[in-house]
Amino acid sequence: MSNWVEVLNQYSKKDLEERKVWYSPVVEMYDRARPRYLAALIDRVVEVAQLAPQSKILEVGCGSGIATVDFARLGYSIDAVEPNLEFCRLAEQHCSSYPKVRIIPQTFEEWQVEPGEFQIVLAANAWHWIASDIKYVKASEALQNNGALVLLWNMSLEPTYEIHQVLDRVYQQFAPLVAPKYEGKETQEEILQGLGKLISDSGLFEAPVQESIECEQTYEVDRYLELLSSYSQYIALEPTTREALFAGLRETIIQQFGGKLRLFNLAAYQISKKR
């Protein structure tokens, strides 16, 4: 089993009660710093999934409503399931102008299936939190016969390899166990292909249609550290270790890179028709 699959499985194996509060200390930072989904990506999902104006969406793990708003502003009816109450509060705020959005404070495991109710089941960087023996079955049951599973991914934001090597020295000094491995476009494409295979291996969905877009954006040092704070490996760090690591990263980014980083990643969608 490849390492990235093992990492993904760690999330879905967390206790349900732990999952409900996992992001609670960082919900505001998550909402501010996590990258948004490209408008071009959302437009392609609407086209490829053949969404009609009356289509109803089930979103699994909406978080603070980042992707929810993208589809709500297009007029779709959305039931968004989210276990974290602080995230639910933010999502309700962001979606307050969209009366066809309903935020449901539950885990997907606890949510009562509404058979055949939805045109798509959507998960934006959240599908890995649900156990494989549950998520595909419930998604299939919730979908209409012509429905589809839609996964949105913002892959890991990372600097150039040269800058990564400089920052890695800080990790090796303060927190080597969470030092990120450099991926680059090729590795991120391989991970996406592997994620697509997991969908088709479920036996309940066809092999996905997939498209990725290369992205670049600049993060000031404070926003970059907020981004890191929103990732699980940093949430799990002992506080004094995290503080020392972030202080070292801050100093290095300010002194060597002018207080900001250019970051790169792939944004992608995967659309799999229900069998």
Protein backbone atom coordinates (compact mmCIF):
# COMPACT_ATOMS: atom_id res chain seq x y z
CA MET A 1 0.00 0.00 0.00
CA SER A 2 1.43 3.37 -1.01
CA ASN A 3 2.25 5.89 1.66
CA TRP A 4 -0.39 8.44 0.61
CA VAL A 5 -3.14 5.79 0.93
CA GLU A 6 -1.92 5.02 4.46
CA VAL A 7 -2.04 8.73 5.28
CA LEU A 8 -5.60 9.04 3.95
CA ASN A 9 -6.73 6.02 5.95
CA GLN A 10 -5.53 7.70 9.15
CA TYR A 11 -8.25 10.33 8.77
CA SER A 12 -11.14 7.95 8.17
CA LYS A 13 -10.11 5.81 11.15
CA LYS A 14 -10.44 8.66 13.64
CA ASP A 15 -13.21 8.27 16.21
CA LEU A 16 -16.45 10.01 15.18
CA GLU A 17 -16.48 12.21 18.27
CA GLU A 18 -12.86 13.21 17.65
CA ARG A 19 -13.71 14.14 14.06
CA LYS A 20 -16.50 16.44 15.24
CA VAL A 21 -14.05 18.70 17.08
CA TRP A 22 -10.79 18.04 15.23
CA TYR A 23 -10.69 21.42 13.44
CA SER A 24 -12.33 23.42 16.24
CA PRO A 25 -9.11 25.21 17.35
CA VAL A 26 -8.38 26.42 13.80
CA VAL A 27 -11.74 27.00 12.06
CA GLU A 28 -11.13 30.73 11.51
CA MET A 29 -7.61 30.18 10.17
CA TYR A 30 -8.88 27.35 7.95
CA ASP A 31 -11.52 29.64 6.49
CA ARG A 32 -9.06 32.48 5.85
CA ALA A 33 -6.12 30.52 4.51
CA ARG A 34 -7.36 27.48 2.63
CA PRO A 35 -7.26 28.02 -1.15
CA ARG A 36 -10.55 28.56 -2.97
CA TYR A 37 -11.69 26.49 -5.94
CA LEU A 38 -11.10 27.96 -9.37
CA ALA A 39 -14.19 29.27 -11.13
CA ALA A 40 -13.08 27.40 -14.24
CA LEU A 41 -13.07 24.16 -12.24
CA ILE A 42 -16.60 24.74 -10.94
CA ASP A 43 -17.82 25.57 -14.45
CA ARG A 44 -16.37 22.32 -15.78
CA VAL A 45 -18.05 20.31 -13.02
CA VAL A 46 -21.41 21.85 -13.91
CA GLU A 47 -20.82 20.99 -17.57
CA VAL A 48 -19.44 17.47 -17.20
CA ALA A 49 -21.89 16.42 -14.46
CA GLN A 50 -24.71 17.88 -16.57
CA LEU A 51 -26.23 19.80 -13.70
CA ALA A 52 -29.63 21.29 -14.44
CA PRO A 53 -31.04 24.38 -12.68
CA GLN A 54 -33.23 22.15 -10.50
CA SER A 55 -30.42 19.74 -9.57
CA LYS A 56 -30.04 18.97 -5.88
CA ILE A 57 -26.58 18.53 -4.34
CA LEU A 58 -25.53 16.59 -1.27
CA GLU A 59 -22.22 17.92 0.03
CA VAL A 60 -20.20 15.73 2.40
CA GLY A 61 -18.01 17.64 4.88
CA CYS A 62 -18.65 21.20 3.78
CA GLY A 63 -16.25 22.72 6.33
CA SER A 64 -16.68 26.49 6.41
CA GLY A 65 -18.64 26.41 3.15
CA ILE A 66 -15.87 27.23 0.69
CA ALA A 67 -17.18 25.02 -2.13
CA THR A 68 -20.78 25.30 -0.90
CA VAL A 69 -20.85 28.99 -1.81
CA ASP A 70 -19.41 28.25 -5.26
CA PHE A 71 -22.43 26.09 -6.12
CA ALA A 72 -24.98 28.06 -4.09
CA ARG A 73 -24.32 31.23 -6.07
CA LEU A 74 -25.25 29.26 -9.20
CA GLY A 75 -28.68 28.63 -7.72
CA TYR A 76 -28.48 24.96 -6.77
CA SER A 77 -30.30 23.41 -3.83
CA ILE A 78 -27.70 22.01 -1.41
CA ASP A 79 -27.86 19.82 1.67
CA ALA A 80 -24.42 20.16 3.28
CA VAL A 81 -23.47 17.65 5.99
CA GLU A 82 -20.78 18.85 8.40
CA PRO A 83 -19.95 17.38 11.84
CA ASN A 84 -18.04 20.34 13.30
CA LEU A 85 -20.39 22.87 14.92
CA GLU A 86 -17.95 25.77 14.52
CA PHE A 87 -17.65 25.01 10.82
CA CYS A 88 -21.45 24.83 10.60
CA ARG A 89 -21.70 28.31 12.09
CA LEU A 90 -19.27 29.73 9.53
CA ALA A 91 -20.92 27.89 6.64
CA GLU A 92 -24.32 29.25 7.66
CA GLN A 93 -22.87 32.76 7.73
CA HIS A 94 -21.30 32.40 4.30
CA CYS A 95 -24.49 30.91 2.85
CA SER A 96 -26.94 33.27 4.56
CA SER A 97 -27.84 34.83 1.19
CA TYR A 98 -28.73 31.45 -0.31
CA PRO A 99 -32.05 30.11 1.03
CA LYS A 100 -31.72 26.83 -0.90
CA VAL A 101 -28.72 25.80 1.22
CA ARG A 102 -29.27 23.69 4.34
CA ILE A 103 -26.34 23.02 6.71
CA ILE A 104 -26.82 19.72 8.56
CA PRO A 105 -24.68 19.33 11.73
CA GLN A 106 -23.92 15.61 11.48
CA THR A 107 -21.24 13.23 10.34
CA PHE A 108 -21.94 11.51 7.04
CA GLU A 109 -21.99 8.24 8.97
CA GLU A 110 -24.83 9.54 11.15
CA TRP A 111 -26.76 11.21 8.35
CA GLN A 112 -29.97 9.41 7.37
CA VAL A 113 -29.86 8.54 3.67
CA GLU A 114 -32.54 10.08 1.46
CA PRO A 115 -32.62 7.49 -1.36
CA GLY A 116 -32.40 8.80 -4.90
CA GLU A 117 -32.73 12.44 -3.82
CA PHE A 118 -29.59 13.98 -5.31
CA GLN A 119 -28.09 14.64 -8.72
CA ILE A 120 -24.55 14.74 -7.34
CA VAL A 121 -22.78 13.88 -4.11
CA LEU A 122 -20.03 16.46 -3.69
CA ALA A 123 -16.96 16.36 -1.47
CA ALA A 124 -14.34 19.12 -1.58
CA ASN A 125 -11.09 17.96 0.03
CA ALA A 126 -13.19 15.94 2.50
CA TRP A 127 -13.80 12.49 1.02
CA HIS A 128 -10.80 10.96 2.79
CA TRP A 129 -12.44 11.59 6.18
CA ILE A 130 -15.14 8.95 5.52
CA ALA A 131 -14.46 5.21 5.78
CA SER A 132 -14.44 3.42 2.42
CA ASP A 133 -16.90 0.75 3.56
CA ILE A 134 -19.47 3.47 4.25
CA LYS A 135 -18.98 6.39 1.91
CA TYR A 136 -19.46 4.74 -1.48
CA VAL A 137 -22.53 2.79 -0.37
CA LYS A 138 -24.25 5.82 1.16
CA ALA A 139 -23.32 8.06 -1.77
CA SER A 140 -24.71 5.54 -4.24
CA GLU A 141 -27.94 5.18 -2.27
CA ALA A 142 -28.41 8.95 -2.09
CA LEU A 143 -27.95 9.45 -5.83
CA GLN A 144 -30.49 9.33 -8.61
CA ASN A 145 -29.91 6.65 -11.22
CA ASN A 146 -28.15 9.14 -13.50
CA GLY A 147 -26.29 10.79 -10.62
CA ALA A 148 -22.57 11.15 -10.01
CA LEU A 149 -19.99 11.41 -7.28
CA VAL A 150 -18.02 14.66 -7.64
CA LEU A 151 -14.74 15.12 -5.80
CA LEU A 152 -12.92 18.45 -5.77
CA TRP A 153 -9.27 18.58 -4.78
CA ASN A 154 -6.88 21.39 -4.03
CA MET A 155 -3.66 19.42 -3.79
CA SER A 156 -0.88 20.42 -1.39
CA LEU A 157 0.38 23.96 -1.89
CA GLU A 158 4.17 23.96 -2.00
CA PRO A 159 7.02 26.27 -2.99
CA THR A 160 9.66 25.47 -5.59
CA TYR A 161 11.93 22.55 -4.81
CA GLU A 162 14.84 24.91 -4.02
CA ILE A 163 12.79 26.81 -1.44
CA HIS A 164 11.39 23.55 -0.10
CA GLN A 165 14.94 22.41 0.64
CA VAL A 166 15.64 25.60 2.61
CA LEU A 167 12.45 25.24 4.66
CA ASP A 168 13.16 21.55 5.23
CA ARG A 169 16.21 22.48 7.28
CA VAL A 170 13.88 24.28 9.70
CA TYR A 171 11.67 21.20 9.93
CA GLN A 172 14.65 18.96 10.58
CA GLN A 173 15.67 21.20 13.47
CA PHE A 174 12.29 21.55 15.18
CA ALA A 175 9.80 18.93 13.93
CA PRO A 176 11.28 16.37 11.53
CA LEU A 177 8.29 14.02 11.81
CA VAL A 178 5.98 16.49 10.07
CA ALA A 179 8.46 17.65 7.43
CA PRO A 180 6.49 17.61 4.15
CA LYS A 181 7.83 15.63 1.23
CA TYR A 182 8.14 17.58 -1.98
CA GLU A 183 5.57 16.41 -4.52
CA GLY A 184 5.58 18.56 -7.64
CA LYS A 185 3.14 18.27 -10.54
CA GLU A 186 4.03 14.70 -11.53
CA THR A 187 3.54 13.24 -8.05
CA GLN A 188 0.30 15.15 -7.54
CA GLU A 189 -1.00 13.76 -10.84
CA GLU A 190 -0.08 10.24 -9.66
CA ILE A 191 -1.93 10.78 -6.38
CA LEU A 192 -5.02 11.95 -8.28
CA GLN A 193 -4.89 8.90 -10.50
CA GLY A 194 -4.69 6.72 -7.41
CA LEU A 195 -7.66 8.50 -5.84
CA GLY A 196 -9.62 7.86 -9.01
CA LYS A 197 -8.79 4.17 -8.90
CA LEU A 198 -10.14 3.96 -5.35
CA ILE A 199 -13.48 5.23 -6.66
CA SER A 200 -13.75 2.69 -9.47
CA ASP A 201 -12.50 -0.11 -7.18
CA SER A 202 -15.58 0.46 -5.02
CA GLY A 203 -17.63 -1.27 -7.71
CA LEU A 204 -20.43 1.27 -7.28
CA PHE A 205 -19.10 4.01 -9.56
CA GLU A 206 -17.57 4.14 -13.01
CA ALA A 207 -13.97 5.20 -13.58
CA PRO A 208 -13.92 8.98 -13.07
CA VAL A 209 -13.62 11.70 -15.64
CA GLN A 210 -10.78 13.81 -14.33
CA GLU A 211 -9.21 17.16 -15.12
CA SER A 212 -6.53 19.15 -13.32
CA ILE A 213 -5.34 22.75 -13.57
CA GLU A 214 -1.95 24.09 -12.54
CA CYS A 215 -2.27 26.87 -9.97
CA GLU A 216 0.05 29.49 -8.54
CA GLN A 217 -0.54 31.98 -5.75
CA THR A 218 1.47 34.07 -3.33
CA TYR A 219 1.05 33.78 0.44
CA GLU A 220 2.35 36.37 2.88
CA VAL A 221 4.10 34.71 5.82
CA ASP A 222 1.21 35.13 8.29
CA ARG A 223 -1.33 33.64 5.91
CA TYR A 224 1.09 30.82 5.06
CA LEU A 225 1.46 29.90 8.72
CA GLU A 226 -2.33 30.00 9.07
CA LEU A 227 -2.54 27.60 6.14
CA LEU A 228 -0.13 25.20 7.84
CA SER A 229 -2.07 25.56 11.10
CA SER A 230 -5.19 24.26 9.33
CA TYR A 231 -3.53 20.96 8.34
CA SER A 232 -4.00 17.93 10.56
CA GLN A 233 -0.33 17.12 11.10
CA TYR A 234 0.20 20.56 12.65
CA ILE A 235 -2.98 20.40 14.71
CA ALA A 236 -1.65 17.18 16.21
CA LEU A 237 1.75 18.68 17.09
CA GLU A 238 2.59 19.39 20.70
CA PRO A 239 2.01 23.17 21.12
CA THR A 240 5.53 24.17 22.11
CA THR A 241 6.96 22.19 19.17
CA ARG A 242 4.52 23.85 16.79
CA GLU A 243 5.39 27.31 18.14
CA ALA A 244 9.12 26.69 17.75
CA LEU A 245 8.66 25.33 14.21
CA PHE A 246 6.50 28.27 13.13
CA ALA A 247 8.91 30.78 14.65
CA GLY A 248 11.74 29.20 12.67
CA LEU A 249 9.72 29.16 9.46
CA ARG A 250 8.66 32.78 9.96
CA GLU A 251 12.25 33.94 10.46
CA THR A 252 13.50 32.04 7.43
CA ILE A 253 10.69 33.24 5.14
CA ILE A 254 11.18 36.87 6.19
CA GLN A 255 14.97 36.87 6.04
CA GLN A 256 15.49 34.79 2.90
CA PHE A 257 12.30 35.23 0.86
CA GLY A 258 11.06 38.72 1.65
CA GLY A 259 8.21 37.58 3.87
CA LYS A 260 6.22 35.81 1.18
CA LEU A 261 6.20 32.56 -0.81
CA ARG A 262 5.03 31.67 -4.29
CA LEU A 263 3.15 28.39 -3.96
CA PHE A 264 2.14 25.88 -6.61
CA ASN A 265 -0.32 22.98 -6.78
CA LEU A 266 -2.89 21.19 -8.90
CA ALA A 267 -6.60 21.83 -8.57
CA ALA A 268 -8.73 18.99 -9.89
CA TYR A 269 -12.16 17.47 -10.20
CA GLN A 270 -13.14 13.81 -10.47
CA ILE A 271 -16.64 12.91 -11.65
CA SER A 272 -17.81 9.30 -11.43
CA LYS A 273 -21.20 8.18 -12.67
CA LYS A 274 -23.21 5.85 -10.46
CA ARG A 275 -23.26 2.30 -11.81
